[in-house]
Amino acid sequence: MKTCPTCKKPIKEPVSTENKQWLPFCCERCKLIDFGAWLDGSHAIPGDETIVLPDDQDDSFRSH
């Protein structure tokens, strides 16, 4: 049985057409909680830190 990655509630199968839009979550609320965790940095994919050097910056938005 599948479970919601946010609240761990079991997801009953077969999933109704109405609830398929939230998979792999059980509802919109759990989907939004997960999305918010990505936005605030609680969820992150590990990797090397990126350092932006002055020569790498895009000057197209600076006024001349």
C-alpha atoms as a PDB file:
ATOM      1  CA  MET A   1       0.000   0.000   0.000  1.00  0.00           C
ATOM      2  CA  LYS A   2       1.294   3.465  -0.906  1.00  0.00           C
ATOM      3  CA  THR A   3       1.563   6.161   1.740  1.00  0.00           C
ATOM      4  CA  CYS A   4       1.593   9.932   1.482  1.00  0.00           C
ATOM      5  CA  PRO A   5       5.196  11.199   1.745  1.00  0.00           C
ATOM      6  CA  THR A   6       4.052  14.161   3.880  1.00  0.00           C
ATOM      7  CA  CYS A   7       1.577  12.769   6.422  1.00  0.00           C
ATOM      8  CA  LYS A   8       2.273   9.018   5.954  1.00  0.00           C
ATOM      9  CA  LYS A   9      -1.465   8.340   5.625  1.00  0.00           C
ATOM     10  CA  PRO A  10      -2.217   5.231   3.533  1.00  0.00           C
ATOM     11  CA  ILE A  11      -3.455   5.973   0.024  1.00  0.00           C
ATOM     12  CA  LYS A  12      -6.278   3.580  -0.776  1.00  0.00           C
ATOM     13  CA  GLU A  13      -6.242   1.961  -4.180  1.00  0.00           C
ATOM     14  CA  PRO A  14      -7.770   2.233  -6.653  1.00  0.00           C
ATOM     15  CA  VAL A  15      -7.282   5.993  -6.400  1.00  0.00           C
ATOM     16  CA  SER A  16     -10.350   7.983  -7.381  1.00  0.00           C
ATOM     17  CA  THR A  17     -10.176  10.226 -10.432  1.00  0.00           C
ATOM     18  CA  GLU A  18     -10.682  13.197  -8.111  1.00  0.00           C
ATOM     19  CA  ASN A  19      -7.629  12.311  -5.979  1.00  0.00           C
ATOM     20  CA  LYS A  20      -5.260  11.292  -8.797  1.00  0.00           C
ATOM     21  CA  GLN A  21      -4.276  14.941  -9.254  1.00  0.00           C
ATOM     22  CA  TRP A  22      -2.503  14.941  -5.858  1.00  0.00           C
ATOM     23  CA  LEU A  23      -0.427  11.760  -6.288  1.00  0.00           C
ATOM     24  CA  PRO A  24       1.945  10.828  -4.757  1.00  0.00           C
ATOM     25  CA  PHE A  25       0.304  12.888  -1.978  1.00  0.00           C
ATOM     26  CA  CYS A  26      -3.074  12.157  -0.423  1.00  0.00           C
ATOM     27  CA  CYS A  27      -4.461  15.680  -0.847  1.00  0.00           C
ATOM     28  CA  GLU A  28      -3.727  19.230  -1.952  1.00  0.00           C
ATOM     29  CA  ARG A  29      -2.714  20.235   1.582  1.00  0.00           C
ATOM     30  CA  CYS A  30       0.080  17.644   1.753  1.00  0.00           C
ATOM     31  CA  LYS A  31       1.256  18.595  -1.744  1.00  0.00           C
ATOM     32  CA  LEU A  32       1.470  22.275  -0.732  1.00  0.00           C
ATOM     33  CA  ILE A  33       3.306  21.440   2.513  1.00  0.00           C
ATOM     34  CA  ASP A  34       5.921  19.545   0.487  1.00  0.00           C
ATOM     35  CA  PHE A  35       6.197  22.373  -2.062  1.00  0.00           C
ATOM     36  CA  GLY A  36       6.709  24.888   0.751  1.00  0.00           C
ATOM     37  CA  ALA A  37       9.517  22.754   2.197  1.00  0.00           C
ATOM     38  CA  TRP A  38      11.335  22.890  -1.163  1.00  0.00           C
ATOM     39  CA  LEU A  39      10.837  26.666  -1.342  1.00  0.00           C
ATOM     40  CA  ASP A  40      12.172  27.382   2.143  1.00  0.00           C
ATOM     41  CA  GLY A  41      15.148  25.029   1.717  1.00  0.00           C
ATOM     42  CA  SER A  42      13.995  22.337   4.147  1.00  0.00           C
ATOM     43  CA  HIS A  43      14.172  19.871   1.242  1.00  0.00           C
ATOM     44  CA  ALA A  44      17.314  20.090  -0.842  1.00  0.00           C
ATOM     45  CA  ILE A  45      19.329  17.878  -3.121  1.00  0.00           C
ATOM     46  CA  PRO A  46      22.895  17.646  -1.781  1.00  0.00           C
ATOM     47  CA  GLY A  47      25.653  18.973  -3.971  1.00  0.00           C
ATOM     48  CA  ASP A  48      28.685  21.187  -4.079  1.00  0.00           C
ATOM     49  CA  GLU A  49      28.216  24.830  -3.151  1.00  0.00           C
ATOM     50  CA  THR A  50      28.238  27.168  -6.133  1.00  0.00           C
ATOM     51  CA  ILE A  51      30.377  30.276  -5.827  1.00  0.00           C
ATOM     52  CA  VAL A  52      29.634  33.121  -8.224  1.00  0.00           C
ATOM     53  CA  LEU A  53      32.718  35.143  -9.059  1.00  0.00           C
ATOM     54  CA  PRO A  54      32.424  38.790 -10.184  1.00  0.00           C
ATOM     55  CA  ASP A  55      33.471  37.836 -13.757  1.00  0.00           C
ATOM     56  CA  ASP A  56      30.622  35.289 -13.924  1.00  0.00           C
ATOM     57  CA  GLN A  57      27.861  37.773 -13.146  1.00  0.00           C
ATOM     58  CA  ASP A  58      25.435  38.868 -15.838  1.00  0.00           C
ATOM     59  CA  ASP A  59      25.857  42.603 -16.526  1.00  0.00           C
ATOM     60  CA  SER A  60      22.791  42.872 -18.766  1.00  0.00           C
ATOM     61  CA  PHE A  61      20.629  44.258 -15.935  1.00  0.00           C
ATOM     62  CA  ARG A  62      23.049  46.911 -14.733  1.00  0.00           C
ATOM     63  CA  SER A  63      22.518  50.473 -15.855  1.00  0.00           C
ATOM     64  CA  HIS A  64      25.466  52.042 -17.667  1.00  0.00           C
END
